[in-house]
Amino acid sequence: MSDAIVLRGLRLLGTHGVLEEEQRRAQPFEFDLELRANLAEAGTSDDLSSTLDYGAVLGVVAAIVARERFFLLEALAETVAARLLDRFGRLDSVLVSVRKLRPPVAADLVSAGVRIERFRDQPGI
């Protein structure tokens, strides 16, 4: 599927990471999402009910980041992808990028992140 809704630069605060300090104090994370679905009907109908409501998508991501805790960015991204595929039936696949904007390393590093892609027809989804 080549149609996609693309959401870039969603910044949220969360307590995710391996270090004790990361589990105690919120830090900034940034998400990019690519939501793949057939958008032809929405393109011709101009009706929100025939597409993915990206406000609702962002609400799902924000709730995960605020209410849950993960040691690894991989687990955070996997949970986001699985919940979006579960909640939004129109979604064929999702590409999730998540970046930690203040990674706790002794280097001048802008961000550390992961990118995963998951499909509706994968086992376990």
PDB file of N, CA and C in Angstrom:
ATOM      1  N   MET A   1       0.852  -1.176   0.000  1.00  0.00           N
ATOM      2  CA  MET A   1       0.000   0.000   0.000  1.00  0.00           C
ATOM      3  C   MET A   1       0.889   1.229   0.000  1.00  0.00           C
ATOM      4  N   SER A   2       0.693   2.104  -0.963  1.00  0.00           N
ATOM      5  CA  SER A   2       1.527   3.300  -1.047  1.00  0.00           C
ATOM      6  C   SER A   2       0.876   4.530  -0.412  1.00  0.00           C
ATOM      7  N   ASP A   3      -0.424   4.455  -0.059  1.00  0.00           N
ATOM      8  CA  ASP A   3      -1.075   5.581   0.607  1.00  0.00           C
ATOM      9  C   ASP A   3      -0.633   5.619   2.073  1.00  0.00           C
ATOM     10  N   ALA A   4      -0.450   6.810   2.597  1.00  0.00           N
ATOM     11  CA  ALA A   4      -0.037   6.920   3.996  1.00  0.00           C
ATOM     12  C   ALA A   4      -0.397   8.282   4.560  1.00  0.00           C
ATOM     13  N   ILE A   5      -0.725   8.286   5.825  1.00  0.00           N
ATOM     14  CA  ILE A   5      -0.827   9.514   6.610  1.00  0.00           C
ATOM     15  C   ILE A   5       0.481   9.600   7.375  1.00  0.00           C
ATOM     16  N   VAL A   6       1.166  10.726   7.271  1.00  0.00           N
ATOM     17  CA  VAL A   6       2.493  10.875   7.852  1.00  0.00           C
ATOM     18  C   VAL A   6       2.435  11.922   8.954  1.00  0.00           C
ATOM     19  N   LEU A   7       2.840  11.531  10.146  1.00  0.00           N
ATOM     20  CA  LEU A   7       2.850  12.420  11.309  1.00  0.00           C
ATOM     21  C   LEU A   7       4.294  12.526  11.793  1.00  0.00           C
ATOM     22  N   ARG A   8       4.832  13.724  11.858  1.00  0.00           N
ATOM     23  CA  ARG A   8       6.236  13.931  12.198  1.00  0.00           C
ATOM     24  C   ARG A   8       6.389  14.842  13.409  1.00  0.00           C
ATOM     25  N   GLY A   9       7.334  14.461  14.256  1.00  0.00           N
ATOM     26  CA  GLY A   9       7.757  15.343  15.331  1.00  0.00           C
ATOM     27  C   GLY A   9       6.824  15.446  16.524  1.00  0.00           C
ATOM     28  N   LEU A  10       6.103  14.364  16.844  1.00  0.00           N
ATOM     29  CA  LEU A  10       5.263  14.364  18.045  1.00  0.00           C
ATOM     30  C   LEU A  10       6.179  14.263  19.259  1.00  0.00           C
ATOM     31  N   ARG A  11       6.171  15.288  20.082  1.00  0.00           N
ATOM     32  CA  ARG A  11       7.032  15.308  21.276  1.00  0.00           C
ATOM     33  C   ARG A  11       6.185  15.091  22.520  1.00  0.00           C
ATOM     34  N   LEU A  12       6.635  14.112  23.314  1.00  0.00           N
ATOM     35  CA  LEU A  12       5.931  13.737  24.534  1.00  0.00           C
ATOM     36  C   LEU A  12       6.940  13.488  25.646  1.00  0.00           C
ATOM     37  N   LEU A  13       6.508  13.682  26.882  1.00  0.00           N
ATOM     38  CA  LEU A  13       7.351  13.386  28.034  1.00  0.00           C
ATOM     39  C   LEU A  13       6.979  12.029  28.596  1.00  0.00           C
ATOM     40  N   GLY A  14       8.001  11.226  28.921  1.00  0.00           N
ATOM     41  CA  GLY A  14       7.754   9.913  29.493  1.00  0.00           C
ATOM     42  C   GLY A  14       8.918   9.460  30.353  1.00  0.00           C
ATOM     43  N   THR A  15       8.685   8.427  31.127  1.00  0.00           N
ATOM     44  CA  THR A  15       9.710   7.863  32.006  1.00  0.00           C
ATOM     45  C   THR A  15      10.077   6.468  31.507  1.00  0.00           C
ATOM     46  N   HIS A  16      10.894   6.450  30.475  1.00  0.00           N
ATOM     47  CA  HIS A  16      11.311   5.201  29.850  1.00  0.00           C
ATOM     48  C   HIS A  16      12.826   5.172  29.768  1.00  0.00           C
ATOM     49  N   GLY A  17      13.396   4.021  30.067  1.00  0.00           N
ATOM     50  CA  GLY A  17      14.845   3.855  29.988  1.00  0.00           C
ATOM     51  C   GLY A  17      15.323   2.853  31.012  1.00  0.00           C
ATOM     52  N   VAL A  18      16.536   2.414  30.853  1.00  0.00           N
ATOM     53  CA  VAL A  18      17.121   1.398  31.722  1.00  0.00           C
ATOM     54  C   VAL A  18      17.620   1.991  33.032  1.00  0.00           C
ATOM     55  N   LEU A  19      18.158   3.187  32.993  1.00  0.00           N
ATOM     56  CA  LEU A  19      18.749   3.795  34.182  1.00  0.00           C
ATOM     57  C   LEU A  19      17.671   4.224  35.180  1.00  0.00           C
ATOM     58  N   GLU A  20      17.999   4.121  36.444  1.00  0.00           N
ATOM     59  CA  GLU A  20      17.058   4.497  37.506  1.00  0.00           C
ATOM     60  C   GLU A  20      16.565   5.935  37.343  1.00  0.00           C
ATOM     61  N   GLU A  21      17.460   6.839  37.006  1.00  0.00           N
ATOM     62  CA  GLU A  21      17.089   8.245  36.803  1.00  0.00           C
ATOM     63  C   GLU A  21      16.051   8.394  35.689  1.00  0.00           C
ATOM     64  N   GLU A  22      16.171   7.597  34.630  1.00  0.00           N
ATOM     65  CA  GLU A  22      15.221   7.660  33.521  1.00  0.00           C
ATOM     66  C   GLU A  22      13.844   7.151  33.938  1.00  0.00           C
ATOM     67  N   GLN A  23      13.806   6.278  34.919  1.00  0.00           N
ATOM     68  CA  GLN A  23      12.544   5.749  35.414  1.00  0.00           C
ATOM     69  C   GLN A  23      11.873   6.694  36.413  1.00  0.00           C
ATOM     70  N   ARG A  24      12.637   7.631  36.966  1.00  0.00           N
ATOM     71  CA  ARG A  24      12.099   8.568  37.952  1.00  0.00           C
ATOM     72  C   ARG A  24      11.690   9.909  37.355  1.00  0.00           C
ATOM     73  N   ARG A  25      12.468  10.409  36.408  1.00  0.00           N
ATOM     74  CA  ARG A  25      12.247  11.758  35.897  1.00  0.00           C
ATOM     75  C   ARG A  25      11.870  11.714  34.418  1.00  0.00           C
ATOM     76  N   ALA A  26      10.774  12.397  34.098  1.00  0.00           N
ATOM     77  CA  ALA A  26      10.309  12.419  32.714  1.00  0.00           C
ATOM     78  C   ALA A  26      11.340  13.082  31.812  1.00  0.00           C
ATOM     79  N   GLN A  27      11.433  12.555  30.599  1.00  0.00           N
ATOM     80  CA  GLN A  27      12.344  13.103  29.597  1.00  0.00           C
ATOM     81  C   GLN A  27      11.616  13.159  28.254  1.00  0.00           C
ATOM     82  N   PRO A  28      12.111  13.950  27.327  1.00  0.00           N
ATOM     83  CA  PRO A  28      11.407  14.104  26.040  1.00  0.00           C
ATOM     84  C   PRO A  28      11.700  12.955  25.068  1.00  0.00           C
ATOM     85  N   PHE A  29      10.640  12.541  24.398  1.00  0.00           N
ATOM     86  CA  PHE A  29      10.707  11.560  23.320  1.00  0.00           C
ATOM     87  C   PHE A  29      10.043  12.175  22.100  1.00  0.00           C
ATOM     88  N   GLU A  30      10.521  11.791  20.935  1.00  0.00           N
ATOM     89  CA  GLU A  30       9.926  12.300  19.698  1.00  0.00           C
ATOM     90  C   GLU A  30       9.541  11.121  18.811  1.00  0.00           C
ATOM     91  N   PHE A  31       8.333  11.200  18.260  1.00  0.00           N
ATOM     92  CA  PHE A  31       7.788  10.133  17.419  1.00  0.00           C
ATOM     93  C   PHE A  31       7.515  10.646  16.014  1.00  0.00           C
ATOM     94  N   ASP A  32       7.760   9.769  15.048  1.00  0.00           N
ATOM     95  CA  ASP A  32       7.286   9.928  13.683  1.00  0.00           C
ATOM     96  C   ASP A  32       6.466   8.682  13.382  1.00  0.00           C
ATOM     97  N   LEU A  33       5.312   8.870  12.760  1.00  0.00           N
ATOM     98  CA  LEU A  33       4.432   7.754  12.431  1.00  0.00           C
ATOM     99  C   LEU A  33       4.065   7.812  10.960  1.00  0.00           C
ATOM    100  N   GLU A  34       4.082   6.671  10.327  1.00  0.00           N
ATOM    101  CA  GLU A  34       3.585   6.553   8.962  1.00  0.00           C
ATOM    102  C   GLU A  34       2.483   5.501   9.002  1.00  0.00           C
ATOM    103  N   LEU A  35       1.255   5.955   8.778  1.00  0.00           N
ATOM    104  CA  LEU A  35       0.066   5.107   8.878  1.00  0.00           C
ATOM    105  C   LEU A  35      -0.380   4.731   7.474  1.00  0.00           C
ATOM    106  N   ARG A  36      -0.188   3.481   7.124  1.00  0.00           N
ATOM    107  CA  ARG A  36      -0.498   3.053   5.762  1.00  0.00           C
ATOM    108  C   ARG A  36      -1.887   2.436   5.696  1.00  0.00           C
ATOM    109  N   ALA A  37      -2.674   2.972   4.777  1.00  0.00           N
ATOM    110  CA  ALA A  37      -4.053   2.527   4.586  1.00  0.00           C
ATOM    111  C   ALA A  37      -4.497   2.987   3.207  1.00  0.00           C
ATOM    112  N   ASN A  38      -5.555   2.399   2.723  1.00  0.00           N
ATOM    113  CA  ASN A  38      -6.123   2.838   1.454  1.00  0.00           C
ATOM    114  C   ASN A  38      -6.891   4.138   1.707  1.00  0.00           C
ATOM    115  N   LEU A  39      -6.409   5.220   1.128  1.00  0.00           N
ATOM    116  CA  LEU A  39      -7.000   6.542   1.349  1.00  0.00           C
ATOM    117  C   LEU A  39      -7.862   7.011   0.177  1.00  0.00           C
ATOM    118  N   ALA A  40      -8.118   6.132  -0.780  1.00  0.00           N
ATOM    119  CA  ALA A  40      -8.873   6.519  -1.982  1.00  0.00           C
ATOM    120  C   ALA A  40     -10.277   7.001  -1.635  1.00  0.00           C
ATOM    121  N   GLU A  41     -10.979   6.287  -0.775  1.00  0.00           N
ATOM    122  CA  GLU A  41     -12.341   6.694  -0.416  1.00  0.00           C
ATOM    123  C   GLU A  41     -12.346   8.070   0.243  1.00  0.00           C
ATOM    124  N   ALA A  42     -11.412   8.300   1.151  1.00  0.00           N
ATOM    125  CA  ALA A  42     -11.330   9.606   1.814  1.00  0.00           C
ATOM    126  C   ALA A  42     -11.021  10.714   0.812  1.00  0.00           C
ATOM    127  N   GLY A  43     -10.193  10.391  -0.173  1.00  0.00           N
ATOM    128  CA  GLY A  43      -9.841  11.376  -1.187  1.00  0.00           C
ATOM    129  C   GLY A  43     -11.013  11.798  -2.053  1.00  0.00           C
ATOM    130  N   THR A  44     -11.952  10.890  -2.258  1.00  0.00           N
ATOM    131  CA  THR A  44     -13.109  11.237  -3.086  1.00  0.00           C
ATOM    132  C   THR A  44     -14.299  11.710  -2.265  1.00  0.00           C
ATOM    133  N   SER A  45     -14.442  11.198  -1.031  1.00  0.00           N
ATOM    134  CA  SER A  45     -15.611  11.563  -0.220  1.00  0.00           C
ATOM    135  C   SER A  45     -15.399  12.820   0.611  1.00  0.00           C
ATOM    136  N   ASP A  46     -14.137  13.131   0.941  1.00  0.00           N
ATOM    137  CA  ASP A  46     -13.816  14.263   1.810  1.00  0.00           C
ATOM    138  C   ASP A  46     -14.515  14.130   3.161  1.00  0.00           C
ATOM    139  N   ASP A  47     -14.575  12.884   3.665  1.00  0.00           N
ATOM    140  CA  ASP A  47     -15.305  12.559   4.891  1.00  0.00           C
ATOM    141  C   ASP A  47     -14.345  11.910   5.891  1.00  0.00           C
ATOM    142  N   LEU A  48     -14.259  12.484   7.092  1.00  0.00           N
ATOM    143  CA  LEU A  48     -13.360  11.977   8.128  1.00  0.00           C
ATOM    144  C   LEU A  48     -13.625  10.517   8.464  1.00  0.00           C
ATOM    145  N   SER A  49     -14.869  10.071   8.387  1.00  0.00           N
ATOM    146  CA  SER A  49     -15.176   8.690   8.748  1.00  0.00           C
ATOM    147  C   SER A  49     -14.609   7.673   7.752  1.00  0.00           C
ATOM    148  N   SER A  50     -14.099   8.144   6.612  1.00  0.00           N
ATOM    149  CA  SER A  50     -13.543   7.225   5.620  1.00  0.00           C
ATOM    150  C   SER A  50     -12.013   7.205   5.632  1.00  0.00           C
ATOM    151  N   THR A  51     -11.437   7.729   6.707  1.00  0.00           N
ATOM    152  CA  THR A  51      -9.974   7.750   6.816  1.00  0.00           C
ATOM    153  C   THR A  51      -9.577   7.453   8.256  1.00  0.00           C
ATOM    154  N   LEU A  52      -8.322   7.673   8.578  1.00  0.00           N
ATOM    155  CA  LEU A  52      -7.813   7.523   9.939  1.00  0.00           C
ATOM    156  C   LEU A  52      -7.804   8.894  10.604  1.00  0.00           C
ATOM    157  N   ASP A  53      -8.409   8.995  11.757  1.00  0.00           N
ATOM    158  CA  ASP A  53      -8.426  10.246  12.512  1.00  0.00           C
ATOM    159  C   ASP A  53      -7.081  10.373  13.226  1.00  0.00           C
ATOM    160  N   TYR A  54      -6.186  11.195  12.702  1.00  0.00           N
ATOM    161  CA  TYR A  54      -4.860  11.233  13.310  1.00  0.00           C
ATOM    162  C   TYR A  54      -4.862  11.864  14.692  1.00  0.00           C
ATOM    163  N   GLY A  55      -5.875  12.633  15.031  1.00  0.00           N
ATOM    164  CA  GLY A  55      -5.994  13.115  16.409  1.00  0.00           C
ATOM    165  C   GLY A  55      -6.185  11.958  17.373  1.00  0.00           C
ATOM    166  N   ALA A  56      -7.010  10.993  16.994  1.00  0.00           N
ATOM    167  CA  ALA A  56      -7.221   9.799  17.819  1.00  0.00           C
ATOM    168  C   ALA A  56      -5.954   8.951  17.878  1.00  0.00           C
ATOM    169  N   VAL A  57      -5.238   8.861  16.764  1.00  0.00           N
ATOM    170  CA  VAL A  57      -3.974   8.117  16.731  1.00  0.00           C
ATOM    171  C   VAL A  57      -2.986   8.734  17.722  1.00  0.00           C
ATOM    172  N   LEU A  58      -2.850  10.051  17.686  1.00  0.00           N
ATOM    173  CA  LEU A  58      -1.930  10.731  18.595  1.00  0.00           C
ATOM    174  C   LEU A  58      -2.334  10.545  20.046  1.00  0.00           C
ATOM    175  N   GLY A  59      -3.634  10.478  20.312  1.00  0.00           N
ATOM    176  CA  GLY A  59      -4.112  10.228  21.668  1.00  0.00           C
ATOM    177  C   GLY A  59      -3.692   8.867  22.184  1.00  0.00           C
ATOM    178  N   VAL A  60      -3.717   7.862  21.328  1.00  0.00           N
ATOM    179  CA  VAL A  60      -3.282   6.512  21.719  1.00  0.00           C
ATOM    180  C   VAL A  60      -1.799   6.527  22.082  1.00  0.00           C
ATOM    181  N   VAL A  61      -0.993   7.158  21.245  1.00  0.00           N
ATOM    182  CA  VAL A  61       0.450   7.226  21.502  1.00  0.00           C
ATOM    183  C   VAL A  61       0.725   7.985  22.794  1.00  0.00           C
ATOM    184  N   ALA A  62       0.070   9.119  22.975  1.00  0.00           N
ATOM    185  CA  ALA A  62       0.283   9.932  24.180  1.00  0.00           C
ATOM    186  C   ALA A  62      -0.080   9.158  25.442  1.00  0.00           C
ATOM    187  N   ALA A  63      -1.156   8.387  25.401  1.00  0.00           N
ATOM    188  CA  ALA A  63      -1.563   7.600  26.569  1.00  0.00           C
ATOM    189  C   ALA A  63      -0.531   6.530  26.905  1.00  0.00           C
ATOM    190  N   ILE A  64       0.007   5.880  25.904  1.00  0.00           N
ATOM    191  CA  ILE A  64       1.035   4.858  26.147  1.00  0.00           C
ATOM    192  C   ILE A  64       2.261   5.484  26.790  1.00  0.00           C
ATOM    193  N   VAL A  65       2.724   6.584  26.242  1.00  0.00           N
ATOM    194  CA  VAL A  65       3.934   7.236  26.752  1.00  0.00           C
ATOM    195  C   VAL A  65       3.733   7.728  28.181  1.00  0.00           C
ATOM    196  N   ALA A  66       2.557   8.261  28.476  1.00  0.00           N
ATOM    197  CA  ALA A  66       2.301   8.832  29.803  1.00  0.00           C
ATOM    198  C   ALA A  66       2.014   7.781  30.871  1.00  0.00           C
ATOM    199  N   ARG A  67       1.349   6.701  30.508  1.00  0.00           N
ATOM    200  CA  ARG A  67       0.848   5.757  31.518  1.00  0.00           C
ATOM    201  C   ARG A  67       1.664   4.487  31.684  1.00  0.00           C
ATOM    202  N   GLU A  68       2.512   4.176  30.724  1.00  0.00           N
ATOM    203  CA  GLU A  68       3.269   2.928  30.791  1.00  0.00           C
ATOM    204  C   GLU A  68       4.754   3.226  30.878  1.00  0.00           C
ATOM    205  N   ARG A  69       5.526   2.205  31.270  1.00  0.00           N
ATOM    206  CA  ARG A  69       6.978   2.365  31.391  1.00  0.00           C
ATOM    207  C   ARG A  69       7.670   1.222  30.686  1.00  0.00           C
ATOM    208  N   PHE A  70       8.737   1.580  29.981  1.00  0.00           N
ATOM    209  CA  PHE A  70       9.521   0.592  29.255  1.00  0.00           C
ATOM    210  C   PHE A  70      10.996   0.849  29.507  1.00  0.00           C
ATOM    211  N   PHE A  71      11.782  -0.209  29.565  1.00  0.00           N
ATOM    212  CA  PHE A  71      13.227  -0.058  29.645  1.00  0.00           C
ATOM    213  C   PHE A  71      13.791   0.295  28.266  1.00  0.00           C
ATOM    214  N   LEU A  72      13.257  -0.342  27.215  1.00  0.00           N
ATOM    215  CA  LEU A  72      13.826  -0.210  25.877  1.00  0.00           C
ATOM    216  C   LEU A  72      12.918   0.569  24.927  1.00  0.00           C
ATOM    217  N   LEU A  73      13.527   1.349  24.069  1.00  0.00           N
ATOM    218  CA  LEU A  73      12.777   2.039  23.014  1.00  0.00           C
ATOM    219  C   LEU A  73      12.109   1.026  22.091  1.00  0.00           C
ATOM    220  N   GLU A  74      12.747  -0.115  21.892  1.00  0.00           N
ATOM    221  CA  GLU A  74      12.176  -1.162  21.051  1.00  0.00           C
ATOM    222  C   GLU A  74      10.817  -1.615  21.586  1.00  0.00           C
ATOM    223  N   ALA A  75      10.718  -1.782  22.905  1.00  0.00           N
ATOM    224  CA  ALA A  75       9.453  -2.212  23.520  1.00  0.00           C
ATOM    225  C   ALA A  75       8.396  -1.112  23.430  1.00  0.00           C
ATOM    226  N   LEU A  76       8.805   0.120  23.603  1.00  0.00           N
ATOM    227  CA  LEU A  76       7.885   1.254  23.468  1.00  0.00           C
ATOM    228  C   LEU A  76       7.337   1.318  22.043  1.00  0.00           C
ATOM    229  N   ALA A  77       8.202   1.232  21.053  1.00  0.00           N
ATOM    230  CA  ALA A  77       7.776   1.289  19.653  1.00  0.00           C
ATOM    231  C   ALA A  77       6.878   0.106  19.305  1.00  0.00           C
ATOM    232  N   GLU A  78       7.212  -1.078  19.786  1.00  0.00           N
ATOM    233  CA  GLU A  78       6.413  -2.280  19.514  1.00  0.00           C
ATOM    234  C   GLU A  78       5.004  -2.140  20.084  1.00  0.00           C
ATOM    235  N   THR A  79       4.901  -1.606  21.287  1.00  0.00           N
ATOM    236  CA  THR A  79       3.592  -1.412  21.914  1.00  0.00           C
ATOM    237  C   THR A  79       2.766  -0.396  21.141  1.00  0.00           C
ATOM    238  N   VAL A  80       3.382   0.688  20.725  1.00  0.00           N
ATOM    239  CA  VAL A  80       2.671   1.696  19.931  1.00  0.00           C
ATOM    240  C   VAL A  80       2.136   1.066  18.651  1.00  0.00           C
ATOM    241  N   ALA A  81       2.979   0.348  17.929  1.00  0.00           N
ATOM    242  CA  ALA A  81       2.557  -0.267  16.666  1.00  0.00           C
ATOM    243  C   ALA A  81       1.412  -1.249  16.881  1.00  0.00           C
ATOM    244  N   ALA A  82       1.530  -2.112  17.884  1.00  0.00           N
ATOM    245  CA  ALA A  82       0.503  -3.121  18.145  1.00  0.00           C
ATOM    246  C   ALA A  82      -0.828  -2.489  18.530  1.00  0.00           C
ATOM    247  N   ARG A  83      -0.800  -1.465  19.366  1.00  0.00           N
ATOM    248  CA  ARG A  83      -2.046  -0.816  19.790  1.00  0.00           C
ATOM    249  C   ARG A  83      -2.724  -0.103  18.634  1.00  0.00           C
ATOM    250  N   LEU A  84      -1.935   0.551  17.796  1.00  0.00           N
ATOM    251  CA  LEU A  84      -2.527   1.250  16.654  1.00  0.00           C
ATOM    252  C   LEU A  84      -3.168   0.266  15.684  1.00  0.00           C
ATOM    253  N   LEU A  85      -2.484  -0.839  15.399  1.00  0.00           N
ATOM    254  CA  LEU A  85      -3.055  -1.847  14.507  1.00  0.00           C
ATOM    255  C   LEU A  85      -4.309  -2.470  15.104  1.00  0.00           C
ATOM    256  N   ASP A  86      -4.321  -2.636  16.422  1.00  0.00           N
ATOM    257  CA  ASP A  86      -5.479  -3.219  17.102  1.00  0.00           C
ATOM    258  C   ASP A  86      -6.673  -2.263  17.107  1.00  0.00           C
ATOM    259  N   ARG A  87      -6.408  -0.995  17.315  1.00  0.00           N
ATOM    260  CA  ARG A  87      -7.493  -0.018  17.477  1.00  0.00           C
ATOM    261  C   ARG A  87      -8.084   0.489  16.159  1.00  0.00           C
ATOM    262  N   PHE A  88      -7.259   0.595  15.128  1.00  0.00           N
ATOM    263  CA  PHE A  88      -7.705   1.205  13.884  1.00  0.00           C
ATOM    264  C   PHE A  88      -7.755   0.161  12.769  1.00  0.00           C
ATOM    265  N   GLY A  89      -8.966  -0.322  12.505  1.00  0.00           N
ATOM    266  CA  GLY A  89      -9.165  -1.390  11.532  1.00  0.00           C
ATOM    267  C   GLY A  89      -8.773  -1.025  10.115  1.00  0.00           C
ATOM    268  N   ARG A  90      -8.786   0.237   9.764  1.00  0.00           N
ATOM    269  CA  ARG A  90      -8.408   0.672   8.411  1.00  0.00           C
ATOM    270  C   ARG A  90      -6.897   0.592   8.177  1.00  0.00           C
ATOM    271  N   LEU A  91      -6.146   0.497   9.241  1.00  0.00           N
ATOM    272  CA  LEU A  91      -4.693   0.538   9.165  1.00  0.00           C
ATOM    273  C   LEU A  91      -4.146  -0.793   8.637  1.00  0.00           C
ATOM    274  N   ASP A  92      -3.391  -0.743   7.546  1.00  0.00           N
ATOM    275  CA  ASP A  92      -2.761  -1.940   6.969  1.00  0.00           C
ATOM    276  C   ASP A  92      -1.387  -2.199   7.574  1.00  0.00           C
ATOM    277  N   SER A  93      -0.650  -1.128   7.799  1.00  0.00           N
ATOM    278  CA  SER A  93       0.668  -1.241   8.427  1.00  0.00           C
ATOM    279  C   SER A  93       1.026   0.097   9.053  1.00  0.00           C
ATOM    280  N   VAL A  94       2.031   0.048   9.911  1.00  0.00           N
ATOM    281  CA  VAL A  94       2.468   1.265  10.587  1.00  0.00           C
ATOM    282  C   VAL A  94       3.988   1.241  10.710  1.00  0.00           C
ATOM    283  N   LEU A  95       4.589   2.388  10.465  1.00  0.00           N
ATOM    284  CA  LEU A  95       6.014   2.591  10.663  1.00  0.00           C
ATOM    285  C   LEU A  95       6.139   3.546  11.840  1.00  0.00           C
ATOM    286  N   VAL A  96       6.811   3.097  12.897  1.00  0.00           N
ATOM    287  CA  VAL A  96       6.964   3.891  14.118  1.00  0.00           C
ATOM    288  C   VAL A  96       8.440   4.194  14.331  1.00  0.00           C
ATOM    289  N   SER A  97       8.760   5.468  14.425  1.00  0.00           N
ATOM    290  CA  SER A  97      10.107   5.902  14.811  1.00  0.00           C
ATOM    291  C   SER A  97       9.980   6.609  16.146  1.00  0.00           C
ATOM    292  N   VAL A  98      10.840   6.241  17.088  1.00  0.00           N
ATOM    293  CA  VAL A  98      10.848   6.919  18.390  1.00  0.00           C
ATOM    294  C   VAL A  98      12.293   7.261  18.731  1.00  0.00           C
ATOM    295  N   ARG A  99      12.474   8.493  19.191  1.00  0.00           N
ATOM    296  CA  ARG A  99      13.795   8.978  19.547  1.00  0.00           C
ATOM    297  C   ARG A  99      13.796   9.523  20.969  1.00  0.00           C
ATOM    298  N   LYS A 100      14.834   9.177  21.687  1.00  0.00           N
ATOM    299  CA  LYS A 100      15.089   9.762  23.000  1.00  0.00           C
ATOM    300  C   LYS A 100      15.929  11.003  22.730  1.00  0.00           C
ATOM    301  N   LEU A 101      15.425  12.174  23.108  1.00  0.00           N
ATOM    302  CA  LEU A 101      16.083  13.427  22.753  1.00  0.00           C
ATOM    303  C   LEU A 101      17.223  13.815  23.689  1.00  0.00           C
ATOM    304  N   ARG A 102      17.302  13.176  24.831  1.00  0.00           N
ATOM    305  CA  ARG A 102      18.415  13.417  25.754  1.00  0.00           C
ATOM    306  C   ARG A 102      18.982  12.077  26.208  1.00  0.00           C
ATOM    307  N   PRO A 103      19.588  11.335  25.300  1.00  0.00           N
ATOM    308  CA  PRO A 103      20.103  10.021  25.684  1.00  0.00           C
ATOM    309  C   PRO A 103      21.225  10.153  26.716  1.00  0.00           C
ATOM    310  N   PRO A 104      21.212   9.287  27.726  1.00  0.00           N
ATOM    311  CA  PRO A 104      22.193   9.389  28.813  1.00  0.00           C
ATOM    312  C   PRO A 104      23.521   8.718  28.433  1.00  0.00           C
ATOM    313  N   VAL A 105      24.247   9.357  27.535  1.00  0.00           N
ATOM    314  CA  VAL A 105      25.548   8.840  27.114  1.00  0.00           C
ATOM    315  C   VAL A 105      26.582   9.949  27.212  1.00  0.00           C
ATOM    316  N   ALA A 106      27.851   9.536  27.335  1.00  0.00           N
ATOM    317  CA  ALA A 106      28.948  10.504  27.442  1.00  0.00           C
ATOM    318  C   ALA A 106      29.428  10.872  26.045  1.00  0.00           C
ATOM    319  N   ALA A 107      28.527  11.464  25.272  1.00  0.00           N
ATOM    320  CA  ALA A 107      28.860  11.893  23.910  1.00  0.00           C
ATOM    321  C   ALA A 107      27.905  13.007  23.508  1.00  0.00           C
ATOM    322  N   ASP A 108      28.309  13.782  22.529  1.00  0.00           N
ATOM    323  CA  ASP A 108      27.453  14.842  22.007  1.00  0.00           C
ATOM    324  C   ASP A 108      26.535  14.209  20.967  1.00  0.00           C
ATOM    325  N   LEU A 109      25.409  13.686  21.434  1.00  0.00           N
ATOM    326  CA  LEU A 109      24.481  12.938  20.601  1.00  0.00           C
ATOM    327  C   LEU A 109      23.123  13.630  20.613  1.00  0.00           C
ATOM    328  N   VAL A 110      22.594  13.966  19.459  1.00  0.00           N
ATOM    329  CA  VAL A 110      21.319  14.672  19.362  1.00  0.00           C
ATOM    330  C   VAL A 110      20.169  13.780  19.819  1.00  0.00           C
ATOM    331  N   SER A 111      20.172  12.525  19.388  1.00  0.00           N
ATOM    332  CA  SER A 111      19.107  11.607  19.794  1.00  0.00           C
ATOM    333  C   SER A 111      19.561  10.173  19.569  1.00  0.00           C
ATOM    334  N   ALA A 112      18.852   9.263  20.218  1.00  0.00           N
ATOM    335  CA  ALA A 112      19.032   7.826  19.996  1.00  0.00           C
ATOM    336  C   ALA A 112      17.643   7.272  19.757  1.00  0.00           C
ATOM    337  N   GLY A 113      17.492   6.403  18.779  1.00  0.00           N
ATOM    338  CA  GLY A 113      16.149   5.947  18.477  1.00  0.00           C
ATOM    339  C   GLY A 113      16.082   4.619  17.766  1.00  0.00           C
ATOM    340  N   VAL A 114      14.848   4.189  17.540  1.00  0.00           N
ATOM    341  CA  VAL A 114      14.564   2.971  16.791  1.00  0.00           C
ATOM    342  C   VAL A 114      13.447   3.262  15.799  1.00  0.00           C
ATOM    343  N   ARG A 115      13.399   2.426  14.775  1.00  0.00           N
ATOM    344  CA  ARG A 115      12.311   2.505  13.794  1.00  0.00           C
ATOM    345  C   ARG A 115      11.872   1.075  13.509  1.00  0.00           C
ATOM    346  N   ILE A 116      10.566   0.837  13.624  1.00  0.00           N
ATOM    347  CA  ILE A 116      10.028  -0.484  13.327  1.00  0.00           C
ATOM    348  C   ILE A 116       8.849  -0.351  12.373  1.00  0.00           C
ATOM    349  N   GLU A 117       8.597  -1.382  11.625  1.00  0.00           N
ATOM    350  CA  GLU A 117       7.437  -1.432  10.752  1.00  0.00           C
ATOM    351  C   GLU A 117       6.696  -2.725  11.046  1.00  0.00           C
ATOM    352  N   ARG A 118       5.388  -2.596  11.243  1.00  0.00           N
ATOM    353  CA  ARG A 118       4.563  -3.768  11.530  1.00  0.00           C
ATOM    354  C   ARG A 118       3.359  -3.761  10.604  1.00  0.00           C
ATOM    355  N   PHE A 119       2.928  -4.963  10.254  1.00  0.00           N
ATOM    356  CA  PHE A 119       1.836  -5.158   9.309  1.00  0.00           C
ATOM    357  C   PHE A 119       0.677  -5.883   9.970  1.00  0.00           C
ATOM    358  N   ARG A 120      -0.520  -5.603   9.545  1.00  0.00           N
ATOM    359  CA  ARG A 120      -1.695  -6.233  10.113  1.00  0.00           C
ATOM    360  C   ARG A 120      -1.638  -7.751   9.997  1.00  0.00           C
ATOM    361  N   ASP A 121      -1.115  -8.275   8.918  1.00  0.00           N
ATOM    362  CA  ASP A 121      -1.129  -9.720   8.693  1.00  0.00           C
ATOM    363  C   ASP A 121       0.027 -10.468   9.347  1.00  0.00           C
ATOM    364  N   GLN A 122       0.829  -9.796  10.197  1.00  0.00           N
ATOM    365  CA  GLN A 122       1.898 -10.487  10.893  1.00  0.00           C
ATOM    366  C   GLN A 122       1.303 -11.356  11.995  1.00  0.00           C
ATOM    367  N   PRO A 123       1.905 -12.521  12.249  1.00  0.00           N
ATOM    368  CA  PRO A 123       1.447 -13.356  13.374  1.00  0.00           C
ATOM    369  C   PRO A 123       1.499 -12.566  14.677  1.00  0.00           C
ATOM    370  N   GLY A 124       0.487 -12.717  15.503  1.00  0.00           N
ATOM    371  CA  GLY A 124       0.436 -12.042  16.788  1.00  0.00           C
ATOM    372  C   GLY A 124      -0.198 -10.687  16.763  1.00  0.00           C
ATOM    373  N   ILE A 125      -0.530 -10.166  15.592  1.00  0.00           N
ATOM    374  CA  ILE A 125      -1.149  -8.837  15.492  1.00  0.00           C
ATOM    375  C   ILE A 125      -2.644  -9.012  15.346  1.00  0.00           C
TER     376      ILE A 125
END
